[in-house]
């Protein structure tokens, strides 16, 4: 497995923005489709956004569509999540995950992800 390390979480007010990053150490980042997931207190982990190996395809949960943007820089082995117009309901621990694949697919299924980061906490106050 290749370690994933998230960063960029913090405490912000509603309406503000945050940018999360996830770096892969070792391995070939471009061999992996990537995803962001989140888990709010007392709730199950849910998918937020996903991106194909080349970045050509992206997918978003309805709750974040139009506010969040997933992107990747394969040269820097880095995945990003730009979060704008944050809402209190976005409060959660955010995890990045990697799914090894030879294709251009995006997966929304958590069980298909091979590697997970340790998470970074995002708190949005009213």
C-alpha atoms as a PDB file:
ATOM      1  CA  UNK A   1       0.000   0.000   0.000  1.00  0.00           C
ATOM      2  CA  UNK A   2       0.997   3.580  -0.581  1.00  0.00           C
ATOM      3  CA  UNK A   3       0.380   6.113   2.172  1.00  0.00           C
ATOM      4  CA  UNK A   4      -2.080   8.926   1.630  1.00  0.00           C
ATOM      5  CA  UNK A   5      -1.800  12.045   3.758  1.00  0.00           C
ATOM      6  CA  UNK A   6      -4.553  14.661   3.840  1.00  0.00           C
ATOM      7  CA  UNK A   7      -4.136  18.283   4.863  1.00  0.00           C
ATOM      8  CA  UNK A   8      -6.036  21.543   4.773  1.00  0.00           C
ATOM      9  CA  UNK A   9      -8.846  20.951   7.224  1.00  0.00           C
ATOM     10  CA  UNK A  10      -9.843  23.531   9.787  1.00  0.00           C
ATOM     11  CA  UNK A  11     -12.555  25.643  11.355  1.00  0.00           C
ATOM     12  CA  UNK A  12     -14.377  28.124   9.135  1.00  0.00           C
ATOM     13  CA  UNK A  13     -17.631  30.038   9.146  1.00  0.00           C
ATOM     14  CA  UNK A  14     -20.533  29.270   6.874  1.00  0.00           C
ATOM     15  CA  UNK A  15     -20.005  30.709   3.409  1.00  0.00           C
ATOM     16  CA  UNK A  16     -16.227  30.515   3.575  1.00  0.00           C
ATOM     17  CA  UNK A  17     -13.890  28.240   1.610  1.00  0.00           C
ATOM     18  CA  UNK A  18     -11.303  25.582   2.304  1.00  0.00           C
ATOM     19  CA  UNK A  19      -8.969  23.624   0.079  1.00  0.00           C
ATOM     20  CA  UNK A  20      -8.090  20.072   1.050  1.00  0.00           C
ATOM     21  CA  UNK A  21      -5.085  18.256  -0.337  1.00  0.00           C
ATOM     22  CA  UNK A  22      -4.076  14.626  -0.319  1.00  0.00           C
ATOM     23  CA  UNK A  23      -0.617  13.490  -1.252  1.00  0.00           C
ATOM     24  CA  UNK A  24       0.408   9.966  -2.177  1.00  0.00           C
ATOM     25  CA  UNK A  25       3.843   8.921  -1.006  1.00  0.00           C
ATOM     26  CA  UNK A  26       5.394   6.213  -3.137  1.00  0.00           C
ATOM     27  CA  UNK A  27       3.640   4.295  -5.867  1.00  0.00           C
ATOM     28  CA  UNK A  28       2.441   5.687  -9.183  1.00  0.00           C
ATOM     29  CA  UNK A  29      -0.294   8.212  -8.472  1.00  0.00           C
ATOM     30  CA  UNK A  30      -1.572   8.143 -12.047  1.00  0.00           C
ATOM     31  CA  UNK A  31      -2.405   4.435 -11.669  1.00  0.00           C
ATOM     32  CA  UNK A  32      -5.182   5.308  -9.248  1.00  0.00           C
ATOM     33  CA  UNK A  33      -8.632   6.757  -9.551  1.00  0.00           C
ATOM     34  CA  UNK A  34      -9.173   8.926  -6.492  1.00  0.00           C
ATOM     35  CA  UNK A  35     -12.038   9.917  -4.276  1.00  0.00           C
ATOM     36  CA  UNK A  36     -12.984  12.116  -1.358  1.00  0.00           C
ATOM     37  CA  UNK A  37     -15.300  10.797   1.321  1.00  0.00           C
ATOM     38  CA  UNK A  38     -16.568  12.265   4.564  1.00  0.00           C
ATOM     39  CA  UNK A  39     -18.001  11.096   7.829  1.00  0.00           C
ATOM     40  CA  UNK A  40     -20.045  13.403   9.971  1.00  0.00           C
ATOM     41  CA  UNK A  41     -20.606  12.733  13.681  1.00  0.00           C
ATOM     42  CA  UNK A  42     -22.967   9.817  14.250  1.00  0.00           C
ATOM     43  CA  UNK A  43     -23.322   9.239  10.510  1.00  0.00           C
ATOM     44  CA  UNK A  44     -21.954   6.743   8.043  1.00  0.00           C
ATOM     45  CA  UNK A  45     -19.111   7.635   5.735  1.00  0.00           C
ATOM     46  CA  UNK A  46     -20.365   8.929   2.412  1.00  0.00           C
ATOM     47  CA  UNK A  47     -18.797   9.724  -0.964  1.00  0.00           C
ATOM     48  CA  UNK A  48     -18.240  13.376  -1.819  1.00  0.00           C
ATOM     49  CA  UNK A  49     -16.365  13.467  -5.128  1.00  0.00           C
ATOM     50  CA  UNK A  50     -14.348  11.199  -7.375  1.00  0.00           C
ATOM     51  CA  UNK A  51     -11.954  11.649 -10.265  1.00  0.00           C
ATOM     52  CA  UNK A  52     -10.509   9.352 -12.899  1.00  0.00           C
ATOM     53  CA  UNK A  53      -6.822   8.590 -13.295  1.00  0.00           C
ATOM     54  CA  UNK A  54      -6.236  11.297 -15.859  1.00  0.00           C
ATOM     55  CA  UNK A  55      -8.673  13.777 -14.385  1.00  0.00           C
ATOM     56  CA  UNK A  56     -10.902  13.662 -17.458  1.00  0.00           C
ATOM     57  CA  UNK A  57     -13.923  12.440 -15.531  1.00  0.00           C
ATOM     58  CA  UNK A  58     -15.307  13.694 -12.248  1.00  0.00           C
ATOM     59  CA  UNK A  59     -18.401  12.954 -10.194  1.00  0.00           C
ATOM     60  CA  UNK A  60     -19.996  14.728  -7.257  1.00  0.00           C
ATOM     61  CA  UNK A  61     -22.551  14.032  -4.600  1.00  0.00           C
ATOM     62  CA  UNK A  62     -25.672  16.113  -5.118  1.00  0.00           C
ATOM     63  CA  UNK A  63     -25.107  17.825  -1.779  1.00  0.00           C
ATOM     64  CA  UNK A  64     -21.820  19.386  -2.932  1.00  0.00           C
ATOM     65  CA  UNK A  65     -22.391  19.810  -6.655  1.00  0.00           C
ATOM     66  CA  UNK A  66     -21.646  23.370  -7.718  1.00  0.00           C
ATOM     67  CA  UNK A  67     -19.757  24.152  -4.504  1.00  0.00           C
ATOM     68  CA  UNK A  68     -16.921  21.622  -4.436  1.00  0.00           C
ATOM     69  CA  UNK A  69     -14.333  20.920  -7.137  1.00  0.00           C
ATOM     70  CA  UNK A  70     -12.102  17.863  -7.218  1.00  0.00           C
ATOM     71  CA  UNK A  71      -8.828  18.024  -9.127  1.00  0.00           C
ATOM     72  CA  UNK A  72      -5.520  16.233  -9.307  1.00  0.00           C
ATOM     73  CA  UNK A  73      -1.930  16.955 -10.220  1.00  0.00           C
ATOM     74  CA  UNK A  74      -0.342  13.678 -11.270  1.00  0.00           C
ATOM     75  CA  UNK A  75       3.113  15.240 -11.514  1.00  0.00           C
ATOM     76  CA  UNK A  76       2.892  16.149  -7.831  1.00  0.00           C
ATOM     77  CA  UNK A  77       0.988  13.019  -6.755  1.00  0.00           C
ATOM     78  CA  UNK A  78      -1.616  15.283  -5.224  1.00  0.00           C
ATOM     79  CA  UNK A  79      -5.400  15.264  -5.055  1.00  0.00           C
ATOM     80  CA  UNK A  80      -7.299  18.433  -4.179  1.00  0.00           C
ATOM     81  CA  UNK A  81     -10.786  19.353  -3.078  1.00  0.00           C
ATOM     82  CA  UNK A  82     -11.750  23.011  -3.338  1.00  0.00           C
ATOM     83  CA  UNK A  83     -14.737  23.625  -1.092  1.00  0.00           C
ATOM     84  CA  UNK A  84     -16.630  26.882  -1.504  1.00  0.00           C
ATOM     85  CA  UNK A  85     -19.721  28.243   0.198  1.00  0.00           C
ATOM     86  CA  UNK A  86     -19.319  25.823   3.059  1.00  0.00           C
ATOM     87  CA  UNK A  87     -22.340  24.961   5.152  1.00  0.00           C
ATOM     88  CA  UNK A  88     -22.591  23.625   8.713  1.00  0.00           C
ATOM     89  CA  UNK A  89     -23.779  20.303   7.280  1.00  0.00           C
ATOM     90  CA  UNK A  90     -20.385  19.949   5.555  1.00  0.00           C
ATOM     91  CA  UNK A  91     -18.812  19.452   8.980  1.00  0.00           C
ATOM     92  CA  UNK A  92     -17.102  16.060   8.934  1.00  0.00           C
ATOM     93  CA  UNK A  93     -13.845  14.196   8.804  1.00  0.00           C
ATOM     94  CA  UNK A  94     -12.756  14.135   5.164  1.00  0.00           C
ATOM     95  CA  UNK A  95     -10.843  11.175   3.785  1.00  0.00           C
ATOM     96  CA  UNK A  96      -9.101  10.695   0.481  1.00  0.00           C
ATOM     97  CA  UNK A  97      -8.911   7.233  -1.036  1.00  0.00           C
ATOM     98  CA  UNK A  98      -7.201   5.551  -3.975  1.00  0.00           C
ATOM     99  CA  UNK A  99      -8.576   2.881  -6.287  1.00  0.00           C
ATOM    100  CA  UNK A 100      -6.021   1.101  -8.474  1.00  0.00           C
ATOM    101  CA  UNK A 101      -7.285   0.705 -12.028  1.00  0.00           C
ATOM    102  CA  UNK A 102      -6.072   0.341 -15.583  1.00  0.00           C
ATOM    103  CA  UNK A 103      -9.074   2.164 -16.985  1.00  0.00           C
ATOM    104  CA  UNK A 104     -10.663   5.579 -16.935  1.00  0.00           C
ATOM    105  CA  UNK A 105     -13.401   4.557 -14.535  1.00  0.00           C
ATOM    106  CA  UNK A 106     -14.627   6.375 -11.475  1.00  0.00           C
ATOM    107  CA  UNK A 107     -15.941   4.344  -8.598  1.00  0.00           C
ATOM    108  CA  UNK A 108     -18.449   5.511  -6.028  1.00  0.00           C
ATOM    109  CA  UNK A 109     -18.210   2.254  -4.095  1.00  0.00           C
ATOM    110  CA  UNK A 110     -16.117   2.551  -0.962  1.00  0.00           C
ATOM    111  CA  UNK A 111     -15.236  -1.148  -0.918  1.00  0.00           C
ATOM    112  CA  UNK A 112     -13.373  -0.772  -4.205  1.00  0.00           C
ATOM    113  CA  UNK A 113     -10.918   1.719  -2.788  1.00  0.00           C
ATOM    114  CA  UNK A 114      -7.614   0.122  -1.874  1.00  0.00           C
ATOM    115  CA  UNK A 115      -5.919   2.788   0.202  1.00  0.00           C
ATOM    116  CA  UNK A 116      -7.284   5.389   2.623  1.00  0.00           C
ATOM    117  CA  UNK A 117      -5.807   8.419   4.291  1.00  0.00           C
ATOM    118  CA  UNK A 118      -6.097   9.161   7.979  1.00  0.00           C
ATOM    119  CA  UNK A 119      -8.581  11.983   7.490  1.00  0.00           C
ATOM    120  CA  UNK A 120      -8.654  15.717   8.076  1.00  0.00           C
ATOM    121  CA  UNK A 121     -11.340  17.490  10.059  1.00  0.00           C
ATOM    122  CA  UNK A 122     -13.509  20.239   8.615  1.00  0.00           C
ATOM    123  CA  UNK A 123     -15.738  22.203  10.961  1.00  0.00           C
ATOM    124  CA  UNK A 124     -18.150  24.804   9.639  1.00  0.00           C
ATOM    125  CA  UNK A 125     -19.798  27.097  12.171  1.00  0.00           C
ATOM    126  CA  UNK A 126     -23.006  29.046  11.725  1.00  0.00           C
END
